[in-house]
Amino acid sequence: MTDATTRAADLLADHRASIDRLDAILVYTLAERFKHTQSVGRLKARHDLPPSDPSREASQIERLERLAREADLDPEFARKFLTFVIAEVIRHHEHYQS
């Protein structure tokens, strides 16, 4: 193995270790987010509030798209991601309603 190949392998390992740490952060962050949204769902159910809040959802999508642009991330990807998360939250909220 040449020195360049060894350096490349080391860099690859470093990048992969960073990706693994970031994946863990994403999972734990999503878990924390869902703990809060589950509390919101129970609160809505206790007070007969609808499981969905389209106005809030739209403003959150706009906010995330703006943050994505600031972070140099594809805003369309951010929108799709948040839309997926919101759908899962609503599904949980509907469960509390029944």
C-alpha atoms as a PDB file:
ATOM      1  CA  MET A   1       0.000   0.000   0.000  1.00  0.00           C
ATOM      2  CA  THR A   2       1.395   3.401  -0.933  1.00  0.00           C
ATOM      3  CA  ASP A   3       1.544   6.352   1.437  1.00  0.00           C
ATOM      4  CA  ALA A   4      -1.197   8.086  -0.566  1.00  0.00           C
ATOM      5  CA  THR A   5      -3.433   5.024  -0.369  1.00  0.00           C
ATOM      6  CA  THR A   6      -2.813   4.733   3.362  1.00  0.00           C
ATOM      7  CA  ARG A   7      -3.675   8.418   3.863  1.00  0.00           C
ATOM      8  CA  ALA A   8      -6.814   7.990   1.763  1.00  0.00           C
ATOM      9  CA  ALA A   9      -7.852   4.954   3.825  1.00  0.00           C
ATOM     10  CA  ASP A  10      -7.251   6.927   7.033  1.00  0.00           C
ATOM     11  CA  LEU A  11      -9.300   9.871   5.741  1.00  0.00           C
ATOM     12  CA  LEU A  12     -12.072   7.510   4.689  1.00  0.00           C
ATOM     13  CA  ALA A  13     -12.114   5.958   8.158  1.00  0.00           C
ATOM     14  CA  ASP A  14     -12.243   9.433   9.736  1.00  0.00           C
ATOM     15  CA  HIS A  15     -15.154  10.492   7.521  1.00  0.00           C
ATOM     16  CA  ARG A  16     -17.023   7.295   8.277  1.00  0.00           C
ATOM     17  CA  ALA A  17     -16.484   7.729  12.017  1.00  0.00           C
ATOM     18  CA  SER A  18     -17.881  11.273  11.746  1.00  0.00           C
ATOM     19  CA  ILE A  19     -20.879  10.008   9.778  1.00  0.00           C
ATOM     20  CA  ASP A  20     -21.511   7.337  12.426  1.00  0.00           C
ATOM     21  CA  ARG A  21     -21.430   9.971  15.200  1.00  0.00           C
ATOM     22  CA  LEU A  22     -23.764  12.242  13.249  1.00  0.00           C
ATOM     23  CA  ASP A  23     -26.168   9.361  12.607  1.00  0.00           C
ATOM     24  CA  ALA A  24     -26.273   8.709  16.357  1.00  0.00           C
ATOM     25  CA  ILE A  25     -26.931  12.409  16.998  1.00  0.00           C
ATOM     26  CA  LEU A  26     -29.787  12.349  14.466  1.00  0.00           C
ATOM     27  CA  VAL A  27     -31.392   9.304  16.081  1.00  0.00           C
ATOM     28  CA  TYR A  28     -31.154  10.686  19.612  1.00  0.00           C
ATOM     29  CA  THR A  29     -32.350  14.120  18.450  1.00  0.00           C
ATOM     30  CA  LEU A  30     -35.365  12.571  16.708  1.00  0.00           C
ATOM     31  CA  ALA A  31     -36.118  10.532  19.822  1.00  0.00           C
ATOM     32  CA  GLU A  32     -36.053  13.709  21.933  1.00  0.00           C
ATOM     33  CA  ARG A  33     -38.252  15.516  19.405  1.00  0.00           C
ATOM     34  CA  PHE A  34     -40.795  12.692  19.443  1.00  0.00           C
ATOM     35  CA  LYS A  35     -40.909  12.744  23.252  1.00  0.00           C
ATOM     36  CA  HIS A  36     -42.046  16.355  23.025  1.00  0.00           C
ATOM     37  CA  THR A  37     -44.502  15.743  20.198  1.00  0.00           C
ATOM     38  CA  GLN A  38     -45.990  12.823  22.125  1.00  0.00           C
ATOM     39  CA  SER A  39     -46.577  15.171  25.060  1.00  0.00           C
ATOM     40  CA  VAL A  40     -48.231  17.597  22.649  1.00  0.00           C
ATOM     41  CA  GLY A  41     -50.413  14.772  21.316  1.00  0.00           C
ATOM     42  CA  ARG A  42     -51.576  13.793  24.793  1.00  0.00           C
ATOM     43  CA  LEU A  43     -52.281  17.449  25.620  1.00  0.00           C
ATOM     44  CA  LYS A  44     -54.301  17.877  22.428  1.00  0.00           C
ATOM     45  CA  ALA A  45     -56.282  14.718  23.165  1.00  0.00           C
ATOM     46  CA  ARG A  46     -57.098  15.857  26.723  1.00  0.00           C
ATOM     47  CA  HIS A  47     -58.405  19.175  25.426  1.00  0.00           C
ATOM     48  CA  ASP A  48     -60.150  17.847  22.309  1.00  0.00           C
ATOM     49  CA  LEU A  49     -57.811  19.731  19.981  1.00  0.00           C
ATOM     50  CA  PRO A  50     -57.280  18.462  16.428  1.00  0.00           C
ATOM     51  CA  PRO A  51     -54.243  16.242  15.888  1.00  0.00           C
ATOM     52  CA  SER A  52     -53.086  18.384  12.972  1.00  0.00           C
ATOM     53  CA  ASP A  53     -52.312  22.113  12.855  1.00  0.00           C
ATOM     54  CA  PRO A  54     -51.845  22.962   9.142  1.00  0.00           C
ATOM     55  CA  SER A  55     -50.880  26.585   9.834  1.00  0.00           C
ATOM     56  CA  ARG A  56     -48.088  25.565  12.229  1.00  0.00           C
ATOM     57  CA  GLU A  57     -46.967  22.795   9.892  1.00  0.00           C
ATOM     58  CA  ALA A  58     -46.691  25.222   6.962  1.00  0.00           C
ATOM     59  CA  SER A  59     -44.702  27.747   8.987  1.00  0.00           C
ATOM     60  CA  GLN A  60     -42.392  24.997  10.262  1.00  0.00           C
ATOM     61  CA  ILE A  61     -41.765  23.790   6.714  1.00  0.00           C
ATOM     62  CA  GLU A  62     -40.967  27.353   5.598  1.00  0.00           C
ATOM     63  CA  ARG A  63     -38.663  27.764   8.600  1.00  0.00           C
ATOM     64  CA  LEU A  64     -36.835  24.508   7.912  1.00  0.00           C
ATOM     65  CA  GLU A  65     -36.425  25.365   4.223  1.00  0.00           C
ATOM     66  CA  ARG A  66     -34.881  28.702   5.231  1.00  0.00           C
ATOM     67  CA  LEU A  67     -32.556  26.987   7.708  1.00  0.00           C
ATOM     68  CA  ALA A  68     -31.596  24.463   5.038  1.00  0.00           C
ATOM     69  CA  ARG A  69     -30.638  27.233   2.615  1.00  0.00           C
ATOM     70  CA  GLU A  70     -28.560  28.897   5.369  1.00  0.00           C
ATOM     71  CA  ALA A  71     -26.842  25.556   6.045  1.00  0.00           C
ATOM     72  CA  ASP A  72     -26.225  24.912   2.328  1.00  0.00           C
ATOM     73  CA  LEU A  73     -28.601  21.941   2.360  1.00  0.00           C
ATOM     74  CA  ASP A  74     -31.146  21.291  -0.370  1.00  0.00           C
ATOM     75  CA  PRO A  75     -34.355  22.952   0.892  1.00  0.00           C
ATOM     76  CA  GLU A  76     -36.457  20.429  -1.049  1.00  0.00           C
ATOM     77  CA  PHE A  77     -34.789  17.616   0.885  1.00  0.00           C
ATOM     78  CA  ALA A  78     -35.434  19.476   4.161  1.00  0.00           C
ATOM     79  CA  ARG A  79     -39.099  19.947   3.197  1.00  0.00           C
ATOM     80  CA  LYS A  80     -39.507  16.268   2.352  1.00  0.00           C
ATOM     81  CA  PHE A  81     -37.820  15.248   5.593  1.00  0.00           C
ATOM     82  CA  LEU A  82     -39.978  17.512   7.769  1.00  0.00           C
ATOM     83  CA  THR A  83     -43.125  16.502   5.890  1.00  0.00           C
ATOM     84  CA  PHE A  84     -42.299  12.871   6.684  1.00  0.00           C
ATOM     85  CA  VAL A  85     -41.684  13.685  10.368  1.00  0.00           C
ATOM     86  CA  ILE A  86     -44.895  15.727  10.603  1.00  0.00           C
ATOM     87  CA  ALA A  87     -46.913  12.869   9.090  1.00  0.00           C
ATOM     88  CA  GLU A  88     -45.514  10.523  11.729  1.00  0.00           C
ATOM     89  CA  VAL A  89     -46.313  13.011  14.506  1.00  0.00           C
ATOM     90  CA  ILE A  90     -49.905  13.394  13.264  1.00  0.00           C
ATOM     91  CA  ARG A  91     -50.249   9.615  13.152  1.00  0.00           C
ATOM     92  CA  HIS A  92     -49.173   9.495  16.805  1.00  0.00           C
ATOM     93  CA  HIS A  93     -51.561  12.324  17.701  1.00  0.00           C
ATOM     94  CA  GLU A  94     -54.445  10.541  16.014  1.00  0.00           C
ATOM     95  CA  HIS A  95     -53.626   7.466  18.106  1.00  0.00           C
ATOM     96  CA  TYR A  96     -54.083   9.553  21.285  1.00  0.00           C
ATOM     97  CA  GLN A  97     -57.441  10.772  19.991  1.00  0.00           C
ATOM     98  CA  SER A  98     -58.860   7.234  19.788  1.00  0.00           C
END
